[in-house]
């Protein structure tokens, strides 16, 4: 926690743009230290990419885009403990759909029993995964494409069957450019047991919202930042609110932390050098499209929570049955199923409605479970996020944007600065706390 040591800092006014977990974590740390903190959020609720939704009959919310925590996600786990929010850990099943069959692939024994690879390739794959889990040396991996690394060390067959379909379905045209350090991250941090905040991520975000306010912070929802600029040594925010009669106004702050995606940040910020803008915009990202089905019956009947789809012709990447992870009793005994995709921004799915995607997905869902029927569907929800997954280039550590921007007093903290780890609420919290320390001067 930040220390109450410099009294001049207690009169500092800090604004935070965005009430995702990074912004809320920064706000909480600064507010706890006595700093005058104001958070602005354009949405009507906190959570950012982990924002949740709740039907009237449900006791808990779920996320618009599937989320969970690993055992090693200590930044967010410690924050939850500090504010008194309970986290549930359980061990759900992870499987892969290959050649029309579902195979559980979440342990060394499952890999050894997997019939689609020769024994030699299974042993090689197991040894490589063990090495990646144990080694702390990721930097030597960032110069090599994951494709080359996996083909060389796990074998051509293992690459073709296990990894290539997932890389290509997730990253599309970028699949061959993703560094081995990104793959190291996915293996290093993964745990068999997964965590989930009691009540859902929205409930946890609301707990954090309350903790910020309890410590004197202010949070304004449905308030959009239209412009950021520096004037007279202060950072000025031009805001537009849906909640007040005088909807547009300007406020001045000593320091501002922006958690928006980089393209949105540079669009609203005046006075940034063109070279800095070019460097930020040169970093690519893809979005997410998630269709959420509320079903009267269990879809993945073997209890699988997460099903990777290793079938190139399927129009989605993963099927995630949330209620095979968290008990359906919290959701009016409905079975909640995500059908998920990461897609480039120009993909046609962003223009489609929920019913259109459902009709397109239906025959493929029926291939996974032939018993699946339209009569099972109680409700459909479709959610889209334009900036959901950064594309990590080779040698990214040399290009990683810093928290401090060229404008004194203005800081940037978003998912493109999560490295070498992959994006997630744990690292949003970790970066939010780091930038809070920077703002406070520790």
Protein backbone atom coordinates (compact mmCIF):
# COMPACT_ATOMS: atom_id res chain seq x y z
CA UNK A 1 0.00 0.00 0.00
CA UNK A 2 1.13 3.55 -0.67
CA UNK A 3 2.54 5.28 2.36
CA UNK A 4 1.17 8.47 3.86
CA UNK A 5 4.50 10.27 4.00
CA UNK A 6 4.43 13.32 1.75
CA UNK A 7 1.77 15.77 2.86
CA UNK A 8 1.86 17.76 -0.37
CA UNK A 9 0.72 14.66 -2.20
CA UNK A 10 -2.47 14.62 -0.14
CA UNK A 11 -3.59 17.80 -1.90
CA UNK A 12 -2.94 16.32 -5.33
CA UNK A 13 -5.96 15.94 -7.59
CA UNK A 14 -5.82 12.83 -9.78
CA UNK A 15 -8.29 11.72 -12.44
CA UNK A 16 -8.56 8.19 -13.74
CA UNK A 17 -10.21 7.51 -17.08
CA UNK A 18 -11.90 4.12 -17.06
CA UNK A 19 -13.43 2.02 -14.27
CA UNK A 20 -12.02 -1.30 -15.39
CA UNK A 21 -9.98 -3.24 -12.85
CA UNK A 22 -6.80 -1.33 -13.64
CA UNK A 23 -8.46 2.03 -13.10
CA UNK A 24 -10.28 0.90 -9.98
CA UNK A 25 -7.14 -0.63 -8.48
CA UNK A 26 -5.21 2.61 -9.07
CA UNK A 27 -8.09 4.64 -7.65
CA UNK A 28 -8.29 2.46 -4.56
CA UNK A 29 -4.56 2.68 -3.82
CA UNK A 30 -4.47 6.45 -4.29
CA UNK A 31 -7.67 7.06 -2.33
CA UNK A 32 -6.34 4.91 0.52
CA UNK A 33 -3.32 7.22 0.61
CA UNK A 34 -5.48 10.32 0.94
CA UNK A 35 -5.16 11.54 -2.65
CA UNK A 36 -8.18 13.34 -4.16
CA UNK A 37 -9.22 10.81 -6.82
CA UNK A 38 -11.96 11.05 -9.44
CA UNK A 39 -12.79 8.20 -11.82
CA UNK A 40 -14.67 8.76 -15.08
CA UNK A 41 -16.36 5.83 -16.83
CA UNK A 42 -18.41 6.00 -20.05
CA UNK A 43 -20.32 2.80 -19.24
CA UNK A 44 -23.05 2.60 -16.60
CA UNK A 45 -21.17 0.06 -14.47
CA UNK A 46 -17.57 -0.87 -13.53
CA UNK A 47 -15.53 -3.78 -14.85
CA UNK A 48 -14.14 -2.79 -18.25
CA UNK A 49 -13.57 -5.87 -20.42
CA UNK A 50 -14.73 -8.00 -17.47
CA UNK A 51 -18.02 -6.15 -17.13
CA UNK A 52 -20.93 -8.41 -16.26
CA UNK A 53 -24.64 -8.65 -16.90
CA UNK A 54 -27.46 -10.20 -14.90
CA UNK A 55 -30.93 -11.41 -15.74
CA UNK A 56 -33.64 -10.59 -13.18
CA UNK A 57 -34.03 -14.24 -12.11
CA UNK A 58 -30.32 -14.78 -11.48
CA UNK A 59 -28.64 -14.40 -8.09
CA UNK A 60 -25.23 -13.77 -9.70
CA UNK A 61 -24.06 -11.92 -12.78
CA UNK A 62 -21.78 -13.38 -15.44
CA UNK A 63 -19.31 -11.65 -17.72
CA UNK A 64 -20.02 -10.46 -21.23
CA UNK A 65 -16.68 -12.05 -22.14
CA UNK A 66 -15.64 -15.17 -20.21
CA UNK A 67 -13.22 -14.65 -17.33
CA UNK A 68 -11.56 -16.59 -14.54
CA UNK A 69 -8.42 -16.38 -12.40
CA UNK A 70 -5.46 -18.72 -11.99
CA UNK A 71 -4.02 -19.71 -8.62
CA UNK A 72 -0.97 -17.55 -9.38
CA UNK A 73 -3.01 -14.37 -9.97
CA UNK A 74 -1.83 -12.87 -6.69
CA UNK A 75 -2.32 -9.18 -7.49
CA UNK A 76 -6.08 -9.50 -7.88
CA UNK A 77 -6.40 -12.23 -5.25
CA UNK A 78 -4.65 -10.05 -2.67
CA UNK A 79 -6.81 -7.08 -3.61
CA UNK A 80 -9.97 -9.17 -3.23
CA UNK A 81 -8.78 -10.36 0.19
CA UNK A 82 -7.95 -6.81 1.27
CA UNK A 83 -11.43 -5.49 0.51
CA UNK A 84 -13.10 -8.61 1.91
CA UNK A 85 -14.44 -10.16 -1.29
CA UNK A 86 -14.53 -13.97 -1.31
CA UNK A 87 -12.97 -15.90 -4.20
CA UNK A 88 -14.06 -19.45 -5.04
CA UNK A 89 -11.54 -21.95 -6.42
CA UNK A 90 -12.52 -25.18 -8.12
CA UNK A 91 -11.00 -27.54 -10.68
CA UNK A 92 -13.08 -27.60 -13.87
CA UNK A 93 -12.40 -29.77 -16.90
CA UNK A 94 -10.63 -28.42 -20.02
CA UNK A 95 -11.03 -30.34 -23.28
CA UNK A 96 -10.36 -30.06 -27.01
CA UNK A 97 -12.62 -30.86 -29.95
CA UNK A 98 -10.58 -32.68 -32.60
CA UNK A 99 -11.81 -34.73 -35.59
CA UNK A 100 -15.37 -34.79 -34.29
CA UNK A 101 -14.50 -35.96 -30.77
CA UNK A 102 -14.02 -34.28 -27.39
CA UNK A 103 -10.76 -35.13 -25.59
CA UNK A 104 -9.92 -34.01 -22.07
CA UNK A 105 -6.45 -32.43 -22.25
CA UNK A 106 -5.70 -30.77 -18.93
CA UNK A 107 -3.12 -33.05 -17.32
CA UNK A 108 0.03 -35.04 -18.21
CA UNK A 109 -1.98 -38.27 -17.97
CA UNK A 110 -4.61 -36.96 -20.39
CA UNK A 111 -1.86 -36.05 -22.84
CA UNK A 112 -0.30 -39.49 -22.50
CA UNK A 113 -3.66 -41.13 -23.24
CA UNK A 114 -4.45 -38.82 -26.17
CA UNK A 115 -4.78 -41.07 -29.25
CA UNK A 116 -4.09 -38.48 -31.97
CA UNK A 117 -0.33 -38.23 -31.42
CA UNK A 118 2.49 -40.83 -31.56
CA UNK A 119 4.00 -41.66 -28.18
CA UNK A 120 7.27 -39.91 -29.05
CA UNK A 121 5.47 -36.65 -29.84
CA UNK A 122 3.40 -36.88 -26.68
CA UNK A 123 6.55 -37.29 -24.61
CA UNK A 124 8.26 -34.39 -26.41
CA UNK A 125 5.21 -32.19 -25.92
CA UNK A 126 5.00 -33.06 -22.23
CA UNK A 127 8.67 -32.28 -21.70
CA UNK A 128 8.40 -28.91 -23.48
CA UNK A 129 5.32 -27.92 -21.47
CA UNK A 130 7.10 -28.91 -18.25
CA UNK A 131 10.13 -26.86 -19.22
CA UNK A 132 8.00 -23.80 -20.00
CA UNK A 133 6.16 -24.15 -16.71
CA UNK A 134 9.42 -24.30 -14.74
CA UNK A 135 11.71 -21.85 -16.52
CA UNK A 136 11.66 -18.15 -15.58
CA UNK A 137 13.69 -17.22 -18.66
CA UNK A 138 11.13 -15.85 -21.10
CA UNK A 139 13.22 -13.13 -22.72
CA UNK A 140 15.26 -15.54 -24.83
CA UNK A 141 11.96 -16.78 -26.31
CA UNK A 142 10.60 -13.46 -27.55
CA UNK A 143 12.86 -13.41 -30.62
CA UNK A 144 11.39 -16.65 -32.00
CA UNK A 145 7.92 -17.27 -33.43
CA UNK A 146 5.92 -19.72 -31.34
CA UNK A 147 5.23 -21.68 -34.52
CA UNK A 148 8.93 -22.34 -35.13
CA UNK A 149 9.58 -23.13 -31.47
CA UNK A 150 6.70 -25.59 -31.17
CA UNK A 151 7.35 -27.32 -34.48
CA UNK A 152 11.00 -27.79 -33.58
CA UNK A 153 10.62 -28.98 -30.00
CA UNK A 154 7.18 -30.62 -29.73
CA UNK A 155 7.22 -32.03 -33.26
CA UNK A 156 5.44 -31.33 -36.54
CA UNK A 157 2.54 -33.60 -35.68
CA UNK A 158 1.98 -31.97 -32.30
CA UNK A 159 2.02 -28.51 -33.92
CA UNK A 160 -0.48 -29.56 -36.60
CA UNK A 161 -2.91 -31.28 -34.23
CA UNK A 162 -2.74 -29.30 -30.97
CA UNK A 163 -1.39 -25.82 -31.57
CA UNK A 164 -1.75 -24.64 -35.17
CA UNK A 165 -5.59 -24.69 -35.18
CA UNK A 166 -5.73 -22.57 -32.04
CA UNK A 167 -3.11 -20.05 -33.16
CA UNK A 168 -4.78 -19.63 -36.54
CA UNK A 169 -8.32 -19.42 -35.16
CA UNK A 170 -7.30 -16.88 -32.52
CA UNK A 171 -4.77 -14.72 -34.33
CA UNK A 172 -5.70 -15.18 -37.99
CA UNK A 173 -3.11 -13.55 -40.24
CA UNK A 174 -0.89 -12.83 -37.24
CA UNK A 175 -0.64 -16.50 -36.18
CA UNK A 176 2.88 -17.07 -37.49
CA UNK A 177 4.23 -13.87 -35.91
CA UNK A 178 3.31 -14.49 -32.26
CA UNK A 179 6.52 -14.97 -30.19
CA UNK A 180 7.28 -18.06 -28.16
CA UNK A 181 7.33 -15.83 -25.06
CA UNK A 182 3.54 -15.41 -25.43
CA UNK A 183 3.11 -19.19 -25.44
CA UNK A 184 5.42 -19.42 -22.41
CA UNK A 185 3.07 -17.05 -20.60
CA UNK A 186 0.04 -19.23 -21.33
CA UNK A 187 1.76 -22.32 -19.94
CA UNK A 188 3.65 -20.67 -17.07
CA UNK A 189 0.63 -19.10 -15.42
CA UNK A 190 -1.98 -21.77 -16.09
CA UNK A 191 -3.27 -23.76 -13.13
CA UNK A 192 -5.60 -26.73 -12.90
CA UNK A 193 -7.70 -24.92 -10.30
CA UNK A 194 -9.45 -21.75 -11.42
CA UNK A 195 -10.83 -18.90 -9.35
CA UNK A 196 -14.00 -16.83 -9.58
CA UNK A 197 -15.15 -13.92 -7.41
CA UNK A 198 -18.29 -14.66 -5.45
CA UNK A 199 -21.28 -13.15 -7.22
CA UNK A 200 -19.35 -12.62 -10.48
CA UNK A 201 -16.81 -10.09 -11.70
CA UNK A 202 -19.42 -7.33 -11.72
CA UNK A 203 -20.09 -7.97 -8.05
CA UNK A 204 -16.36 -7.79 -7.33
CA UNK A 205 -16.04 -4.58 -9.37
CA UNK A 206 -18.91 -3.08 -7.36
CA UNK A 207 -17.13 -4.07 -4.13
CA UNK A 208 -14.04 -2.28 -5.39
CA UNK A 209 -16.20 0.69 -6.42
CA UNK A 210 -17.52 0.86 -2.85
CA UNK A 211 -13.99 0.57 -1.41
CA UNK A 212 -12.83 3.53 -3.54
CA UNK A 213 -15.77 5.65 -2.38
CA UNK A 214 -15.35 4.59 1.25
CA UNK A 215 -11.82 6.02 1.10
CA UNK A 216 -12.99 9.33 -0.33
CA UNK A 217 -12.72 8.66 -4.07
CA UNK A 218 -15.38 9.80 -6.52
CA UNK A 219 -16.66 7.76 -9.48
CA UNK A 220 -18.83 9.14 -12.29
CA UNK A 221 -20.50 6.68 -14.63
CA UNK A 222 -22.00 7.39 -18.05
CA UNK A 223 -19.41 10.15 -18.36
CA UNK A 224 -17.27 10.21 -21.48
CA UNK A 225 -13.93 11.99 -21.86
CA UNK A 226 -13.95 13.93 -25.13
CA UNK A 227 -10.60 15.67 -24.88
CA UNK A 228 -7.37 15.61 -22.84
CA UNK A 229 -4.90 18.49 -22.98
CA UNK A 230 -2.29 20.27 -20.88
CA UNK A 231 -2.70 23.90 -19.83
CA UNK A 232 -0.69 25.86 -17.32
CA UNK A 233 0.91 22.80 -15.78
CA UNK A 234 -2.46 21.09 -15.27
CA UNK A 235 -4.13 18.28 -17.22
CA UNK A 236 -7.56 19.36 -18.45
CA UNK A 237 -10.34 16.87 -19.15
CA UNK A 238 -13.29 17.84 -21.29
CA UNK A 239 -16.14 15.56 -20.27
CA UNK A 240 -19.63 14.77 -21.45
CA UNK A 241 -22.12 13.22 -19.03
CA UNK A 242 -25.48 11.63 -19.66
CA UNK A 243 -26.46 12.22 -16.03
CA UNK A 244 -26.35 16.01 -15.59
CA UNK A 245 -28.15 18.86 -17.32
CA UNK A 246 -24.94 20.71 -18.10
CA UNK A 247 -23.59 17.70 -19.95
CA UNK A 248 -20.27 19.17 -21.12
CA UNK A 249 -17.70 20.64 -18.76
CA UNK A 250 -13.96 20.92 -18.16
CA UNK A 251 -12.06 19.88 -15.05
CA UNK A 252 -8.40 20.33 -14.18
CA UNK A 253 -6.16 17.82 -12.42
CA UNK A 254 -2.57 17.60 -11.31
CA UNK A 255 -2.23 14.13 -12.80
CA UNK A 256 -4.34 11.87 -14.99
CA UNK A 257 -4.20 8.11 -15.57
CA UNK A 258 -5.85 6.95 -18.78
CA UNK A 259 -6.75 3.26 -19.12
CA UNK A 260 -8.39 3.49 -22.56
CA UNK A 261 -7.09 1.45 -25.50
CA UNK A 262 -4.24 3.26 -27.26
CA UNK A 263 -6.21 4.21 -30.42
CA UNK A 264 -8.88 5.88 -28.29
CA UNK A 265 -6.26 7.55 -26.10
CA UNK A 266 -4.45 9.21 -29.00
CA UNK A 267 -7.75 10.22 -30.59
CA UNK A 268 -8.81 12.37 -27.64
CA UNK A 269 -5.40 13.63 -26.47
CA UNK A 270 -3.93 16.87 -27.78
CA UNK A 271 -0.21 17.64 -27.83
CA UNK A 272 1.25 14.17 -28.22
CA UNK A 273 4.32 14.01 -30.50
CA UNK A 274 3.62 12.32 -33.81
CA UNK A 275 6.42 9.81 -33.26
CA UNK A 276 4.79 8.69 -29.99
CA UNK A 277 1.40 8.40 -31.69
CA UNK A 278 2.91 6.36 -34.52
CA UNK A 279 4.60 3.98 -32.10
CA UNK A 280 1.36 3.39 -30.18
CA UNK A 281 -0.77 2.91 -33.27
CA UNK A 282 1.75 0.53 -34.78
CA UNK A 283 0.82 -1.95 -32.04
CA UNK A 284 -2.05 -4.07 -33.29
CA UNK A 285 -4.96 -5.73 -31.53
CA UNK A 286 -7.98 -7.86 -32.28
CA UNK A 287 -11.47 -7.81 -30.83
CA UNK A 288 -13.83 -10.36 -29.30
CA UNK A 289 -17.33 -11.47 -30.22
CA UNK A 290 -19.16 -13.64 -27.68
CA UNK A 291 -22.57 -15.21 -28.10
CA UNK A 292 -24.02 -16.24 -24.73
CA UNK A 293 -26.75 -18.87 -24.72
CA UNK A 294 -29.04 -19.50 -21.77
CA UNK A 295 -30.09 -23.15 -22.05
CA UNK A 296 -32.56 -25.39 -20.28
CA UNK A 297 -30.19 -28.36 -20.56
CA UNK A 298 -26.46 -28.99 -20.12
CA UNK A 299 -24.59 -28.69 -23.41
CA UNK A 300 -21.20 -30.24 -22.59
CA UNK A 301 -22.55 -33.29 -20.85
CA UNK A 302 -19.16 -34.65 -19.77
CA UNK A 303 -18.76 -31.63 -17.48
CA UNK A 304 -16.20 -29.78 -19.61
CA UNK A 305 -15.94 -26.10 -18.74
CA UNK A 306 -13.61 -24.97 -21.50
CA UNK A 307 -13.65 -26.60 -24.94
CA UNK A 308 -11.03 -25.54 -27.47
CA UNK A 309 -12.22 -26.00 -31.05
CA UNK A 310 -9.38 -27.49 -33.13
CA UNK A 311 -11.43 -27.58 -36.32
CA UNK A 312 -10.53 -25.03 -38.98
CA UNK A 313 -14.00 -25.02 -40.59
CA UNK A 314 -15.83 -24.15 -37.37
CA UNK A 315 -16.82 -20.46 -37.16
CA UNK A 316 -15.79 -20.11 -33.51
CA UNK A 317 -12.71 -20.67 -31.36
CA UNK A 318 -14.06 -21.93 -28.04
CA UNK A 319 -17.19 -23.14 -26.30
CA UNK A 320 -17.22 -22.32 -22.60
CA UNK A 321 -19.97 -23.67 -20.35
CA UNK A 322 -19.87 -21.34 -17.39
CA UNK A 323 -22.25 -23.48 -15.35
CA UNK A 324 -19.82 -26.40 -15.56
CA UNK A 325 -17.53 -24.09 -13.55
CA UNK A 326 -19.94 -22.22 -11.26
CA UNK A 327 -23.12 -23.88 -10.02
CA UNK A 328 -26.24 -23.30 -12.10
CA UNK A 329 -28.21 -22.63 -8.90
CA UNK A 330 -26.88 -19.07 -9.03
CA UNK A 331 -28.44 -18.58 -12.47
CA UNK A 332 -32.00 -19.81 -11.96
CA UNK A 333 -30.79 -23.35 -12.85
CA UNK A 334 -30.07 -22.26 -16.42
CA UNK A 335 -27.03 -23.59 -18.26
CA UNK A 336 -24.93 -20.70 -19.57
CA UNK A 337 -22.81 -21.26 -22.65
CA UNK A 338 -20.35 -18.90 -24.32
CA UNK A 339 -19.54 -19.36 -27.99
CA UNK A 340 -16.44 -17.23 -28.38
CA UNK A 341 -14.22 -15.70 -31.02
CA UNK A 342 -11.26 -13.34 -31.30
CA UNK A 343 -11.56 -11.54 -34.61
CA UNK A 344 -9.98 -8.72 -36.63
CA UNK A 345 -11.88 -5.45 -36.46
CA UNK A 346 -13.20 -5.70 -40.01
CA UNK A 347 -14.79 -9.15 -39.56
CA UNK A 348 -18.44 -9.48 -40.60
CA UNK A 349 -19.47 -10.91 -37.20
CA UNK A 350 -19.26 -7.42 -35.67
CA UNK A 351 -22.20 -6.38 -37.87
CA UNK A 352 -24.41 -9.36 -37.09
CA UNK A 353 -27.16 -9.69 -34.52
CA UNK A 354 -27.36 -12.46 -31.93
CA UNK A 355 -29.99 -14.45 -33.82
CA UNK A 356 -27.95 -14.35 -37.04
CA UNK A 357 -24.83 -15.70 -35.34
CA UNK A 358 -26.86 -18.32 -33.51
CA UNK A 359 -28.29 -19.60 -36.81
CA UNK A 360 -24.79 -19.73 -38.27
CA UNK A 361 -23.37 -21.51 -35.23
CA UNK A 362 -26.27 -23.95 -34.72
CA UNK A 363 -25.17 -26.79 -37.05
CA UNK A 364 -21.65 -26.68 -35.58
CA UNK A 365 -22.98 -26.76 -32.02
CA UNK A 366 -25.10 -29.73 -33.02
CA UNK A 367 -21.96 -31.44 -34.33
CA UNK A 368 -20.42 -31.13 -30.87
CA UNK A 369 -23.58 -32.36 -29.15
CA UNK A 370 -26.00 -34.09 -31.57
CA UNK A 371 -28.76 -33.92 -28.95
CA UNK A 372 -28.66 -30.12 -28.90
CA UNK A 373 -31.98 -28.66 -30.00
CA UNK A 374 -33.37 -25.18 -30.57
CA UNK A 375 -35.96 -25.84 -27.88
CA UNK A 376 -33.16 -25.76 -25.29
CA UNK A 377 -32.50 -22.05 -25.88
CA UNK A 378 -34.15 -19.71 -23.39
CA UNK A 379 -32.29 -16.56 -24.35
CA UNK A 380 -29.46 -15.18 -26.48
CA UNK A 381 -27.07 -12.32 -25.71
CA UNK A 382 -24.33 -11.01 -28.00
CA UNK A 383 -21.38 -8.94 -26.81
CA UNK A 384 -18.60 -7.32 -28.82
CA UNK A 385 -15.34 -5.69 -27.73
CA UNK A 386 -13.12 -4.01 -30.31
CA UNK A 387 -9.88 -4.07 -28.27
CA UNK A 388 -9.76 -7.40 -26.44
CA UNK A 389 -6.41 -9.01 -27.30
CA UNK A 390 -3.15 -7.24 -28.14
CA UNK A 391 -1.03 -8.74 -30.89
CA UNK A 392 2.37 -9.27 -29.30
CA UNK A 393 5.20 -8.84 -31.87
CA UNK A 394 8.65 -10.37 -31.70
CA UNK A 395 11.02 -8.67 -29.23
CA UNK A 396 8.14 -6.75 -27.67
CA UNK A 397 10.16 -5.83 -24.58
CA UNK A 398 12.06 -3.33 -26.76
CA UNK A 399 8.82 -1.65 -27.87
CA UNK A 400 6.73 -1.85 -24.72
CA UNK A 401 5.12 1.55 -24.02
CA UNK A 402 5.90 3.07 -20.64
CA UNK A 403 3.29 4.39 -18.21
CA UNK A 404 4.60 7.95 -18.51
CA UNK A 405 3.59 9.77 -21.69
CA UNK A 406 5.37 12.75 -23.31
CA UNK A 407 2.86 15.03 -21.54
CA UNK A 408 4.00 15.62 -17.97
CA UNK A 409 1.41 14.40 -15.48
CA UNK A 410 -0.41 12.21 -18.01
CA UNK A 411 -0.06 8.43 -17.68
CA UNK A 412 -1.23 5.54 -19.84
CA UNK A 413 -2.02 2.06 -18.49
CA UNK A 414 -3.80 -0.45 -20.73
CA UNK A 415 -3.58 -4.07 -21.92
CA UNK A 416 -0.82 -3.33 -24.43
CA UNK A 417 1.49 -2.72 -21.46
CA UNK A 418 0.84 -6.14 -19.94
CA UNK A 419 4.02 -8.04 -20.79
CA UNK A 420 5.43 -10.63 -20.73
CA UNK A 421 2.11 -11.84 -19.33
CA UNK A 422 -1.09 -12.08 -21.31
CA UNK A 423 -3.96 -9.65 -20.75
CA UNK A 424 -6.33 -10.26 -17.85
CA UNK A 425 -7.82 -8.64 -14.76
CA UNK A 426 -4.90 -9.75 -12.59
CA UNK A 427 -2.44 -7.78 -14.70
CA UNK A 428 -4.79 -4.84 -15.03
CA UNK A 429 -4.70 -4.66 -11.22
CA UNK A 430 -0.92 -5.15 -11.16
CA UNK A 431 -0.35 -2.34 -13.67
CA UNK A 432 -2.94 -0.11 -12.01
CA UNK A 433 -1.15 -0.41 -8.69
CA UNK A 434 2.23 0.18 -10.36
CA UNK A 435 1.09 3.37 -12.08
CA UNK A 436 -0.51 4.54 -8.82
CA UNK A 437 2.88 4.25 -7.11
CA UNK A 438 4.43 6.19 -10.00
CA UNK A 439 1.83 8.94 -9.72
CA UNK A 440 2.33 9.17 -5.97
CA UNK A 441 6.07 9.41 -6.43
CA UNK A 442 7.23 6.26 -4.69
